Amino acid sequence: MRKIDLNAWFQDLVGQFQGLNPKEPGQWPMAPKLAASFGVMLLVVIVGYFVLLADEQAALEAEQNREPQLRQDYRAKLAQAVNLPELRRQKSQVEEYVTQLEKQLPGKAEIDSLLSDISSAGVGRGLQFELFRPGQVLVKDYYAELPIALRVSGRYHDIGAFAADVSNLSRIVTLHNLVVQAPTGRDASTALSMEATARTYRYLDSTEVAEQRKAAAAAKAGGKK
């Protein structure tokens, strides 16, 4: 069996890399040619990775980072799908409740009648109206609010009964900023006085709703500029 002299082989290999002319690579020995070819291929692979695959790698990592959130969204939607009949029942109940509330809101044409009902409630309790002044209508997203400045005088129990009557009207009316004052000085025998702001609410008609949506869209568009 022929023995291989590793020392001589290694020296021969090293000798092939000595005295190489970089301007004439075609005349290099086999070992330098193979090493140069391997180096060029490695360089091409590295450059190709950074040029072609770096963006794809970044996109892959971004999608991998989204995976936990997608799993969470999936579980939430799965729970909603399982509870869909119950959610539909709850939605139906909310819609019925909203409809009932809307029925308690007067329309624009019913405001005058409601103001008359408030006044009649005070007169029916024997109260004296010293001030009854509707204010400026405040238009909200889906309803309008009408404040009414009130000042009445009368007996304590009659004032309390009037407040209860207002709260029991068929339409929604709320009392705010109530101030009850007792007579002072020479007028100590006279009736109590109460100042308050009554607020009633009405639903917006279709024209007003369209105007509100148009104004909201214009405000949103202006905010983006």
Protein backbone atom coordinates (compact mmCIF):
# COMPACT_ATOMS: atom_id res chain seq x y z
CA MET A 1 0.00 0.00 0.00
CA ARG A 2 1.38 3.37 -1.02
CA LYS A 3 1.91 5.80 1.83
CA ILE A 4 1.02 9.47 1.45
CA ASP A 5 3.58 11.92 2.69
CA LEU A 6 1.31 14.55 4.29
CA ASN A 7 4.21 16.86 4.98
CA ALA A 8 5.25 16.90 1.34
CA TRP A 9 1.65 17.26 0.23
CA PHE A 10 1.08 20.25 2.54
CA GLN A 11 4.29 21.92 1.41
CA ASP A 12 3.26 21.43 -2.21
CA LEU A 13 -0.15 22.96 -1.46
CA VAL A 14 1.39 25.96 0.25
CA GLY A 15 3.86 26.34 -2.59
CA GLN A 16 0.98 26.66 -5.08
CA PHE A 17 -0.16 29.86 -3.30
CA GLN A 18 3.27 31.46 -3.44
CA GLY A 19 4.34 33.86 -6.14
CA LEU A 20 0.86 34.16 -7.70
CA ASN A 21 0.41 36.88 -10.30
CA PRO A 22 -2.98 38.51 -9.63
CA LYS A 23 -3.06 39.81 -13.21
CA GLU A 24 -2.95 36.29 -14.69
CA PRO A 25 -5.29 34.10 -12.62
CA GLY A 26 -5.63 31.69 -15.57
CA GLN A 27 -2.06 30.52 -15.03
CA TRP A 28 -2.52 29.78 -11.31
CA PRO A 29 -2.21 26.20 -10.07
CA MET A 30 -5.36 24.20 -9.37
CA ALA A 31 -5.54 24.85 -5.61
CA PRO A 32 -5.52 28.69 -5.88
CA LYS A 33 -8.06 28.49 -8.71
CA LEU A 34 -10.42 26.37 -6.56
CA ALA A 35 -9.94 28.65 -3.56
CA ALA A 36 -10.59 31.75 -5.68
CA SER A 37 -13.70 30.16 -7.20
CA PHE A 38 -15.02 29.25 -3.77
CA GLY A 39 -14.34 32.77 -2.50
CA VAL A 40 -16.17 34.32 -5.47
CA MET A 41 -19.17 32.02 -4.94
CA LEU A 42 -19.24 32.86 -1.22
CA LEU A 43 -19.10 36.58 -2.01
CA VAL A 44 -21.95 36.23 -4.52
CA VAL A 45 -24.05 34.39 -1.94
CA ILE A 46 -23.41 37.04 0.72
CA VAL A 47 -24.13 39.96 -1.63
CA GLY A 48 -27.23 38.19 -2.98
CA TYR A 49 -28.52 37.67 0.54
CA PHE A 50 -28.21 41.31 1.49
CA VAL A 51 -29.52 42.59 -1.86
CA LEU A 52 -32.32 40.11 -2.53
CA LEU A 53 -33.24 38.40 0.73
CA ALA A 54 -32.77 41.06 3.40
CA ASP A 55 -36.15 42.70 2.68
CA GLU A 56 -37.86 39.32 2.56
CA GLN A 57 -36.29 38.38 5.87
CA ALA A 58 -37.48 41.62 7.43
CA ALA A 59 -41.00 41.00 6.09
CA LEU A 60 -40.92 37.46 7.48
CA GLU A 61 -39.87 38.69 10.91
CA ALA A 62 -42.63 41.32 10.84
CA GLU A 63 -45.24 38.65 10.07
CA GLN A 64 -43.84 36.44 12.82
CA ASN A 65 -44.15 39.35 15.27
CA ARG A 66 -47.80 39.75 14.23
CA GLU A 67 -48.58 36.13 14.99
CA PRO A 68 -49.38 36.58 18.75
CA GLN A 69 -51.80 39.44 18.00
CA LEU A 70 -53.44 37.47 15.19
CA ARG A 71 -53.88 34.51 17.52
CA GLN A 72 -55.48 36.77 20.10
CA ASP A 73 -57.81 38.29 17.49
CA TYR A 74 -58.71 34.81 16.31
CA ARG A 75 -59.63 33.70 19.82
CA ALA A 76 -61.73 36.84 20.35
CA LYS A 77 -63.60 36.38 17.07
CA LEU A 78 -64.07 32.69 17.80
CA ALA A 79 -65.63 33.58 21.16
CA GLN A 80 -67.92 36.07 19.42
CA ALA A 81 -68.94 33.47 16.86
CA VAL A 82 -69.74 30.97 19.60
CA ASN A 83 -71.79 33.60 21.47
CA LEU A 84 -73.39 35.06 18.32
CA PRO A 85 -77.01 34.11 19.24
CA GLU A 86 -76.61 35.72 22.68
CA LEU A 87 -75.00 38.83 21.18
CA ARG A 88 -77.87 39.16 18.71
CA ARG A 89 -80.38 38.86 21.55
CA GLN A 90 -78.56 41.57 23.53
CA LYS A 91 -78.44 43.79 20.43
CA SER A 92 -82.19 43.38 20.00
CA GLN A 93 -82.75 44.35 23.65
CA VAL A 94 -80.57 47.46 23.28
CA GLU A 95 -82.41 48.51 20.13
CA GLU A 96 -85.76 48.13 21.93
CA TYR A 97 -84.44 50.19 24.84
CA VAL A 98 -83.19 52.93 22.51
CA THR A 99 -86.58 52.97 20.76
CA GLN A 100 -88.31 53.43 24.11
CA LEU A 101 -86.00 56.30 24.99
CA GLU A 102 -86.59 57.94 21.61
CA LYS A 103 -90.33 57.84 22.28
CA GLN A 104 -89.69 59.87 25.42
CA LEU A 105 -87.94 62.56 23.41
CA PRO A 106 -90.27 65.12 21.88
CA GLY A 107 -89.93 66.19 18.30
CA LYS A 108 -89.40 69.79 17.25
CA ALA A 109 -93.14 70.33 16.89
CA GLU A 110 -93.85 69.01 20.41
CA ILE A 111 -91.52 71.34 22.31
CA ASP A 112 -94.13 74.07 22.76
CA SER A 113 -96.55 71.53 24.22
CA LEU A 114 -93.88 70.26 26.61
CA LEU A 115 -93.09 73.78 27.80
CA SER A 116 -96.78 74.24 28.48
CA ASP A 117 -96.82 70.99 30.48
CA ILE A 118 -93.94 72.21 32.67
CA SER A 119 -95.69 75.51 33.30
CA SER A 120 -98.99 73.75 34.06
CA ALA A 121 -97.24 71.45 36.54
CA GLY A 122 -96.07 74.49 38.53
CA VAL A 123 -99.38 76.33 38.36
CA GLY A 124 -101.20 73.15 39.39
CA ARG A 125 -99.16 73.07 42.58
CA GLY A 126 -99.98 76.68 43.36
CA LEU A 127 -96.53 78.01 42.56
CA GLN A 128 -95.84 81.49 41.29
CA PHE A 129 -93.56 81.66 38.25
CA GLU A 130 -91.16 84.58 38.52
CA LEU A 131 -88.99 83.39 35.61
CA PHE A 132 -89.62 80.93 32.77
CA ARG A 133 -87.11 81.55 29.99
CA PRO A 134 -86.13 78.92 27.37
CA GLY A 135 -82.50 79.25 26.35
CA GLN A 136 -80.48 78.52 23.22
CA VAL A 137 -80.94 75.06 21.74
CA LEU A 138 -77.73 73.00 21.94
CA VAL A 139 -77.49 70.52 19.06
CA LYS A 140 -75.55 67.34 19.84
CA ASP A 141 -74.70 64.39 17.61
CA TYR A 142 -78.09 62.70 17.73
CA TYR A 143 -80.29 64.95 19.85
CA ALA A 144 -80.89 68.57 20.79
CA GLU A 145 -80.94 69.99 24.31
CA LEU A 146 -83.13 72.92 25.38
CA PRO A 147 -82.28 74.58 28.73
CA ILE A 148 -85.02 76.51 30.53
CA ALA A 149 -84.24 78.96 33.32
CA LEU A 150 -86.85 78.67 36.11
CA ARG A 151 -87.61 80.64 39.25
CA VAL A 152 -90.73 79.80 41.21
CA SER A 153 -91.99 80.64 44.68
CA GLY A 154 -94.37 78.77 46.93
CA ARG A 155 -94.57 76.43 49.87
CA TYR A 156 -91.85 73.87 50.51
CA HIS A 157 -94.00 70.80 49.88
CA ASP A 158 -95.50 72.33 46.75
CA ILE A 159 -92.03 72.99 45.34
CA GLY A 160 -91.04 69.38 46.08
CA ALA A 161 -94.23 68.09 44.45
CA PHE A 162 -93.56 70.26 41.39
CA ALA A 163 -90.06 68.75 41.02
CA ALA A 164 -91.59 65.27 41.24
CA ASP A 165 -94.28 66.15 38.68
CA VAL A 166 -91.61 67.38 36.24
CA SER A 167 -89.65 64.14 36.60
CA ASN A 168 -92.82 62.13 35.91
CA LEU A 169 -93.75 63.90 32.68
CA SER A 170 -94.17 61.61 29.69
CA ARG A 171 -91.22 63.34 28.04
CA ILE A 172 -87.73 63.49 29.53
CA VAL A 173 -87.14 66.65 31.59
CA THR A 174 -84.32 66.98 34.12
CA LEU A 175 -83.72 69.67 36.76
CA HIS A 176 -80.20 71.00 37.36
CA ASN A 177 -78.52 73.53 39.64
CA LEU A 178 -81.41 73.68 42.08
CA VAL A 179 -81.17 76.48 44.63
CA VAL A 180 -83.93 76.79 47.27
CA GLN A 181 -83.89 79.95 49.32
CA ALA A 182 -85.85 80.76 52.43
CA PRO A 183 -87.29 84.26 52.89
CA THR A 184 -85.23 86.58 55.08
CA GLY A 185 -85.84 89.72 57.11
CA ARG A 186 -89.29 91.22 56.88
CA ASP A 187 -90.29 88.67 54.24
CA ALA A 188 -89.79 85.71 56.61
CA SER A 189 -93.46 84.81 56.37
CA THR A 190 -93.48 84.67 52.57
CA ALA A 191 -93.03 81.58 50.41
CA LEU A 192 -89.79 79.82 49.54
CA SER A 193 -88.18 80.46 46.17
CA MET A 194 -86.43 77.94 43.93
CA GLU A 195 -84.15 78.60 41.03
CA ALA A 196 -83.21 75.80 38.65
CA THR A 197 -82.40 74.96 35.07
CA ALA A 198 -84.78 72.50 33.46
CA ARG A 199 -83.40 70.65 30.48
CA THR A 200 -85.50 68.86 27.96
CA TYR A 201 -84.26 66.90 25.00
CA ARG A 202 -85.62 66.23 21.55
CA TYR A 203 -84.53 63.99 18.75
CA LEU A 204 -83.18 65.49 15.55
CA ASP A 205 -85.19 65.22 12.38
CA SER A 206 -83.68 63.72 9.23
CA THR A 207 -82.56 67.12 7.92
CA GLU A 208 -80.77 67.98 11.16
CA VAL A 209 -79.11 64.55 11.30
CA ALA A 210 -77.84 65.02 7.73
CA GLU A 211 -76.47 68.46 8.65
CA GLN A 212 -74.70 67.05 11.72
CA ARG A 213 -73.10 64.28 9.68
CA LYS A 214 -72.02 66.75 7.03
CA ALA A 215 -70.48 69.03 9.66
CA ALA A 216 -68.69 66.09 11.31
CA ALA A 217 -67.31 64.94 7.96
CA ALA A 218 -66.11 68.46 7.15
CA ALA A 219 -64.44 68.77 10.56
CA LYS A 220 -62.74 65.42 10.11
CA ALA A 221 -61.53 66.35 6.64
CA GLY A 222 -60.22 69.67 7.96
CA GLY A 223 -58.36 67.91 10.76
CA LYS A 224 -56.47 65.72 8.28
CA LYS A 225 -55.08 68.70 6.37
